Amino acid sequence: MSGVVQGFTVIFIVIAVGYVLGRTEVLGPDAQQVLARLVFFVFTPALLFDSLATTDISVIFSSTLVIAGGSALLIGLAYFVLARLVLHREIPEATIGALASSYVNSANLGIPIAIFVLDDASFVAPLLLFQIMIYSPIALTALDLTALRDAPGRITLRDTVIAPLTNPIVLGGAAGLVISLAGWRLPHAVAEPISMLGNASVPGALLAFGLSLTGVSVLRKGESPRRDVALASVLKMVAQPLLVFALSYWLFGERGHHLFAQVVIASLPTAQNVLVYATRYRRGEVLARDTALVTTVASIPVIAIVALLLA
């Protein structure tokens, strides 16, 4: 469990630094918005490009990709349907909530836990690929098209096709995947600055999350959509690990360490990237912020229980 403790300690320290920066206002009143835009337009695309361009794609296509991707889509779809039919939320808020309920913190927490707890970082790679190349484009396209719908005029077929192709995160991931599949290696002078920018994505997202907590009370009545947060949190920390266990155990016949690894990865909290997306589109920001914090705290006992039962 030392890897779990270490991973969460790093996360909380960086979030705390962001919170202090927000409280002291040394970065100005718009710091959270500016940092979130940097993460969205520069740091995360660079990280995705660098990660995929240097990844052996053959390692990624395994049962883990089906289990992690299938469970995320099913949980996200369940939230979206409930949010639309029961909570009567608009498409952008339902989309952000779907991400909050199923988008796993696979980078800044998943990688250290995979290394220190599971002794194999490859368990996270399929999930990273799925979230980068499939899940994010689906959600971001929905948000882009909704933004176009709300703008003057009407959505055309050209808008639908072009929307995902103009998103920097989608473009970064796609370019990295092309480089990897082609077997190309970028010159060091080009790869190094991209890697440096990508390394700022995780701390940048955590700092932006800490800044977002300044002057607010999490789950405050009248401000936080508590029902939405509760639904997303329960789906993320209870339904998703149980679904992954069921798929792994009964559908793929996994046992032992592989089964344990699948459920641990599914028990990770909501990624702070969801708040970055929400901030970019100015929709569902409080929902993303509160769900990320609730699931981050809740994931500690959940992973401990998983370890006691399956390790």
Protein backbone atom coordinates (compact mmCIF):
# COMPACT_ATOMS: atom_id res chain seq x y z
CA MET A 1 0.00 0.00 0.00
CA SER A 2 3.04 2.30 0.16
CA GLY A 3 2.58 3.17 -3.52
CA VAL A 4 -1.02 4.22 -2.91
CA VAL A 5 0.03 6.44 0.00
CA GLN A 6 2.86 7.95 -2.02
CA GLY A 7 0.64 8.65 -5.01
CA PHE A 8 -2.06 10.35 -2.97
CA THR A 9 0.50 12.33 -0.96
CA VAL A 10 1.95 13.81 -4.15
CA ILE A 11 -1.50 14.71 -5.44
CA PHE A 12 -2.66 16.43 -2.25
CA ILE A 13 0.58 18.42 -1.92
CA VAL A 14 0.34 19.84 -5.46
CA ILE A 15 -3.37 20.60 -5.01
CA ALA A 16 -2.54 22.36 -1.73
CA VAL A 17 0.08 24.49 -3.50
CA GLY A 18 -2.55 25.54 -6.04
CA TYR A 19 -4.97 26.37 -3.24
CA VAL A 20 -2.36 28.55 -1.49
CA LEU A 21 -1.58 30.33 -4.74
CA GLY A 22 -5.28 31.03 -5.15
CA ARG A 23 -5.72 32.27 -1.59
CA THR A 24 -2.75 34.64 -1.83
CA GLU A 25 -3.77 35.79 -5.35
CA VAL A 26 -0.11 36.09 -6.36
CA LEU A 27 -1.04 34.90 -9.86
CA GLY A 28 -3.97 37.28 -10.26
CA PRO A 29 -7.74 36.72 -10.31
CA ASP A 30 -7.80 34.82 -13.63
CA ALA A 31 -5.02 32.37 -12.80
CA GLN A 32 -7.22 29.27 -12.80
CA GLN A 33 -8.72 30.08 -16.19
CA VAL A 34 -5.33 30.83 -17.75
CA LEU A 35 -3.68 27.72 -16.31
CA ALA A 36 -6.58 25.52 -17.36
CA ARG A 37 -6.33 26.86 -20.92
CA LEU A 38 -2.58 26.16 -20.96
CA VAL A 39 -3.23 22.59 -19.83
CA PHE A 40 -5.95 22.14 -22.44
CA PHE A 41 -4.26 23.77 -25.43
CA VAL A 42 -0.55 23.08 -24.81
CA PHE A 43 0.48 20.76 -21.98
CA THR A 44 -2.00 17.90 -22.38
CA PRO A 45 -1.70 17.66 -26.18
CA ALA A 46 2.09 17.57 -25.74
CA LEU A 47 1.80 14.85 -23.07
CA LEU A 48 -0.48 12.71 -25.21
CA PHE A 49 1.73 13.12 -28.26
CA ASP A 50 4.88 12.23 -26.32
CA SER A 51 3.26 9.29 -24.51
CA LEU A 52 1.80 7.67 -27.61
CA ALA A 53 4.75 8.41 -29.88
CA THR A 54 7.05 6.50 -27.51
CA THR A 55 4.66 3.64 -26.64
CA ASP A 56 4.76 0.14 -28.07
CA ILE A 57 1.22 -0.09 -29.41
CA SER A 58 1.33 -3.90 -29.47
CA VAL A 59 1.44 -3.91 -25.65
CA ILE A 60 -1.74 -1.87 -25.44
CA PHE A 61 -4.15 -4.02 -27.47
CA SER A 62 -5.13 -6.61 -24.87
CA SER A 63 -8.10 -7.68 -22.75
CA THR A 64 -7.36 -4.72 -20.49
CA LEU A 65 -8.29 -2.34 -23.30
CA VAL A 66 -11.69 -4.02 -23.71
CA ILE A 67 -12.36 -4.20 -19.97
CA ALA A 68 -11.24 -0.66 -19.13
CA GLY A 69 -12.77 0.92 -22.23
CA GLY A 70 -16.02 -1.03 -22.13
CA SER A 71 -16.62 -0.34 -18.44
CA ALA A 72 -15.89 3.38 -18.83
CA LEU A 73 -18.28 3.70 -21.76
CA LEU A 74 -21.05 1.78 -19.97
CA ILE A 75 -20.71 3.79 -16.74
CA GLY A 76 -20.51 7.09 -18.62
CA LEU A 77 -23.54 6.16 -20.71
CA ALA A 78 -25.48 5.20 -17.57
CA TYR A 79 -24.77 8.61 -16.04
CA PHE A 80 -25.64 10.44 -19.25
CA VAL A 81 -29.01 8.68 -19.56
CA LEU A 82 -29.89 9.23 -15.89
CA ALA A 83 -28.80 12.87 -16.06
CA ARG A 84 -30.94 13.51 -19.12
CA LEU A 85 -34.05 11.53 -18.16
CA VAL A 86 -34.11 11.81 -14.36
CA LEU A 87 -32.13 14.94 -13.48
CA HIS A 88 -33.16 16.76 -16.69
CA ARG A 89 -29.68 18.17 -17.35
CA GLU A 90 -28.55 19.79 -20.58
CA ILE A 91 -26.19 17.85 -22.86
CA PRO A 92 -22.98 19.71 -21.79
CA GLU A 93 -23.61 19.12 -18.07
CA ALA A 94 -24.61 15.50 -18.72
CA THR A 95 -21.43 15.02 -20.77
CA ILE A 96 -19.17 16.48 -18.08
CA GLY A 97 -20.96 14.34 -15.49
CA ALA A 98 -20.48 11.24 -17.63
CA LEU A 99 -16.74 11.95 -17.72
CA ALA A 100 -16.68 12.62 -13.97
CA SER A 101 -18.35 9.26 -13.32
CA SER A 102 -15.99 7.17 -15.44
CA TYR A 103 -12.85 9.03 -16.59
CA VAL A 104 -10.06 7.46 -14.52
CA ASN A 105 -7.13 9.40 -13.09
CA SER A 106 -4.75 7.17 -15.02
CA ALA A 107 -1.83 9.57 -15.48
CA ASN A 108 -0.75 11.33 -12.29
CA LEU A 109 -2.15 8.64 -9.95
CA GLY A 110 -2.57 5.57 -12.15
CA ILE A 111 1.04 5.39 -13.30
CA PRO A 112 2.68 5.56 -9.82
CA ILE A 113 0.17 3.06 -8.43
CA ALA A 114 0.76 0.73 -11.38
CA ILE A 115 4.49 0.91 -10.69
CA PHE A 116 4.54 0.77 -6.89
CA VAL A 117 1.50 -1.44 -6.22
CA LEU A 118 1.15 -3.57 -9.34
CA ASP A 119 4.83 -3.66 -10.37
CA ASP A 120 3.84 -3.11 -14.00
CA ALA A 121 3.01 0.23 -15.63
CA SER A 122 1.63 -1.56 -18.71
CA PHE A 123 -1.68 -2.10 -16.88
CA VAL A 124 -2.39 1.63 -17.28
CA ALA A 125 -1.32 1.93 -20.92
CA PRO A 126 -4.51 0.46 -22.51
CA LEU A 127 -6.70 2.73 -20.39
CA LEU A 128 -4.60 5.76 -21.29
CA LEU A 129 -4.95 4.94 -24.99
CA PHE A 130 -8.69 4.44 -24.73
CA GLN A 131 -9.27 7.67 -22.85
CA ILE A 132 -6.98 9.61 -25.17
CA MET A 133 -8.06 8.27 -28.54
CA ILE A 134 -11.69 7.26 -28.03
CA TYR A 135 -13.34 8.60 -24.89
CA SER A 136 -12.01 12.17 -24.93
CA PRO A 137 -12.78 12.70 -28.64
CA ILE A 138 -16.36 11.46 -28.15
CA ALA A 139 -16.97 13.76 -25.18
CA LEU A 140 -15.14 16.76 -26.62
CA THR A 141 -16.97 16.42 -29.93
CA ALA A 142 -20.28 16.43 -28.07
CA LEU A 143 -19.20 19.59 -26.23
CA ASP A 144 -17.92 21.22 -29.42
CA LEU A 145 -21.14 20.46 -31.30
CA THR A 146 -23.24 21.74 -28.42
CA ALA A 147 -21.24 24.97 -28.44
CA LEU A 148 -21.85 25.26 -32.19
CA ARG A 149 -25.54 24.59 -31.64
CA ASP A 150 -25.75 27.40 -29.13
CA ALA A 151 -23.96 29.77 -31.51
CA PRO A 152 -25.77 31.66 -34.27
CA GLY A 153 -26.63 29.55 -37.30
CA ARG A 154 -27.08 25.81 -37.51
CA ILE A 155 -24.76 22.81 -37.37
CA THR A 156 -23.76 21.48 -40.78
CA LEU A 157 -22.20 18.14 -41.74
CA ARG A 158 -18.93 20.01 -42.22
CA ASP A 159 -19.12 21.28 -38.62
CA THR A 160 -19.68 17.74 -37.35
CA VAL A 161 -16.65 16.40 -39.23
CA ILE A 162 -14.32 19.29 -38.46
CA ALA A 163 -15.16 19.68 -34.74
CA PRO A 164 -12.95 16.81 -33.45
CA LEU A 165 -10.21 17.69 -35.95
CA THR A 166 -9.78 21.16 -34.45
CA ASN A 167 -9.51 20.00 -30.83
CA PRO A 168 -5.86 20.22 -29.65
CA ILE A 169 -6.11 17.19 -27.34
CA VAL A 170 -7.50 14.97 -30.09
CA LEU A 171 -4.89 16.25 -32.54
CA GLY A 172 -2.03 15.64 -30.10
CA GLY A 173 -3.12 12.07 -29.41
CA ALA A 174 -3.73 11.29 -33.06
CA ALA A 175 -0.34 12.64 -34.13
CA GLY A 176 1.43 10.61 -31.44
CA LEU A 177 -0.40 7.46 -32.50
CA VAL A 178 0.61 7.99 -36.13
CA ILE A 179 4.26 8.40 -35.12
CA SER A 180 4.13 5.19 -33.06
CA LEU A 181 2.39 3.12 -35.73
CA ALA A 182 4.82 4.31 -38.39
CA GLY A 183 7.81 3.43 -36.22
CA TRP A 184 9.31 6.89 -36.58
CA ARG A 185 11.60 8.50 -34.02
CA LEU A 186 11.66 12.28 -33.76
CA PRO A 187 14.99 14.12 -33.56
CA HIS A 188 16.04 14.85 -29.98
CA ALA A 189 15.87 18.62 -30.59
CA VAL A 190 12.15 18.23 -31.46
CA ALA A 191 11.15 15.48 -29.00
CA GLU A 192 12.76 17.07 -25.92
CA PRO A 193 10.77 20.35 -25.84
CA ILE A 194 7.54 18.43 -26.50
CA SER A 195 8.39 16.13 -23.58
CA MET A 196 9.14 19.13 -21.34
CA LEU A 197 5.78 20.70 -22.15
CA GLY A 198 4.01 17.38 -21.61
CA ASN A 199 5.59 16.98 -18.19
CA ALA A 200 3.77 20.15 -17.13
CA SER A 201 0.33 18.66 -17.86
CA VAL A 202 -0.17 16.70 -14.64
CA PRO A 203 1.08 19.35 -12.19
CA GLY A 204 -0.71 22.01 -14.24
CA ALA A 205 -4.05 20.19 -13.99
CA LEU A 206 -3.55 19.62 -10.24
CA LEU A 207 -2.60 23.26 -9.66
CA ALA A 208 -5.66 24.39 -11.63
CA PHE A 209 -7.77 22.09 -9.46
CA GLY A 210 -6.28 23.60 -6.29
CA LEU A 211 -6.91 27.11 -7.61
CA SER A 212 -10.54 26.17 -8.31
CA LEU A 213 -11.04 25.36 -4.60
CA THR A 214 -10.15 28.90 -3.52
CA GLY A 215 -13.01 30.75 -1.85
CA VAL A 216 -15.52 27.95 -2.38
CA SER A 217 -17.08 25.29 -0.18
CA VAL A 218 -17.27 21.86 -1.73
CA LEU A 219 -20.84 20.51 -1.89
CA ARG A 220 -22.22 23.88 -0.75
CA LYS A 221 -26.01 23.93 -0.80
CA GLY A 222 -27.40 26.05 -3.61
CA GLU A 223 -24.09 26.09 -5.49
CA SER A 224 -23.06 22.48 -5.93
CA PRO A 225 -25.31 20.08 -7.87
CA ARG A 226 -25.27 17.58 -5.01
CA ARG A 227 -27.44 14.96 -6.67
CA ASP A 228 -25.24 15.03 -9.75
CA VAL A 229 -22.07 14.77 -7.66
CA ALA A 230 -23.52 11.91 -5.60
CA LEU A 231 -24.58 10.01 -8.73
CA ALA A 232 -21.20 10.49 -10.43
CA SER A 233 -19.28 9.56 -7.27
CA VAL A 234 -21.26 6.37 -6.61
CA LEU A 235 -20.92 5.27 -10.23
CA LYS A 236 -17.19 6.02 -10.21
CA MET A 237 -16.22 4.47 -6.85
CA VAL A 238 -18.75 1.63 -6.57
CA ALA A 239 -20.32 0.72 -9.90
CA GLN A 240 -17.20 0.96 -12.06
CA PRO A 241 -14.97 -1.29 -9.88
CA LEU A 242 -17.80 -3.84 -9.55
CA LEU A 243 -18.42 -3.82 -13.30
CA VAL A 244 -14.72 -4.29 -14.03
CA PHE A 245 -14.58 -7.17 -11.55
CA ALA A 246 -17.55 -8.83 -13.23
CA LEU A 247 -16.14 -8.38 -16.75
CA SER A 248 -12.67 -9.57 -15.73
CA TYR A 249 -13.79 -12.52 -13.63
CA TRP A 250 -16.70 -13.95 -15.60
CA LEU A 251 -16.17 -12.76 -19.16
CA PHE A 252 -12.37 -12.99 -19.47
CA GLY A 253 -11.70 -15.53 -16.72
CA GLU A 254 -8.99 -13.45 -15.08
CA ARG A 255 -7.75 -14.40 -11.62
CA GLY A 256 -5.03 -13.45 -9.19
CA HIS A 257 -2.80 -10.46 -9.88
CA HIS A 258 -4.42 -9.57 -13.22
CA LEU A 259 -7.88 -9.43 -11.65
CA PHE A 260 -6.53 -7.36 -8.74
CA ALA A 261 -4.83 -4.93 -11.14
CA GLN A 262 -7.97 -4.43 -13.24
CA VAL A 263 -10.11 -3.57 -10.21
CA VAL A 264 -7.47 -1.30 -8.63
CA ILE A 265 -7.19 0.77 -11.83
CA ALA A 266 -11.00 1.03 -11.98
CA SER A 267 -11.03 2.24 -8.36
CA LEU A 268 -8.90 5.29 -9.12
CA PRO A 269 -10.70 8.65 -8.73
CA THR A 270 -11.96 11.05 -11.37
CA ALA A 271 -9.16 12.69 -13.35
CA GLN A 272 -8.59 16.41 -12.86
CA ASN A 273 -8.63 16.67 -16.67
CA VAL A 274 -12.43 16.59 -16.45
CA LEU A 275 -12.32 19.94 -14.63
CA VAL A 276 -9.98 21.26 -17.34
CA TYR A 277 -12.54 20.28 -19.99
CA ALA A 278 -15.38 21.80 -17.95
CA THR A 279 -13.43 25.03 -17.52
CA ARG A 280 -12.66 25.18 -21.23
CA TYR A 281 -16.34 24.99 -22.16
CA ARG A 282 -17.61 26.80 -19.04
CA ARG A 283 -20.15 24.05 -18.34
CA GLY A 284 -20.41 21.73 -15.32
CA GLU A 285 -17.36 23.21 -13.58
CA VAL A 286 -18.67 22.79 -10.01
CA LEU A 287 -19.82 19.26 -10.81
CA ALA A 288 -16.37 18.32 -12.12
CA ARG A 289 -14.56 19.98 -9.21
CA ASP A 290 -16.67 18.46 -6.44
CA THR A 291 -16.74 14.97 -7.97
CA ALA A 292 -12.96 14.97 -8.41
CA LEU A 293 -12.43 15.90 -4.76
CA VAL A 294 -15.05 13.47 -3.39
CA THR A 295 -13.76 10.53 -5.43
CA THR A 296 -10.12 11.32 -4.63
CA VAL A 297 -10.87 11.09 -0.91
CA ALA A 298 -13.16 8.07 -1.32
CA SER A 299 -10.67 6.13 -3.45
CA ILE A 300 -8.30 5.68 -0.51
CA PRO A 301 -10.59 3.33 1.48
CA VAL A 302 -11.96 1.77 -1.71
CA ILE A 303 -8.49 0.74 -2.93
CA ALA A 304 -7.66 -0.49 0.57
CA ILE A 305 -10.75 -2.72 0.53
CA VAL A 306 -9.89 -4.02 -2.95
CA ALA A 307 -6.39 -4.84 -1.75
CA LEU A 308 -7.70 -6.71 1.29
CA LEU A 309 -10.12 -8.76 -0.81
CA LEU A 310 -8.11 -9.44 -3.96
CA ALA A 311 -4.39 -8.82 -3.39
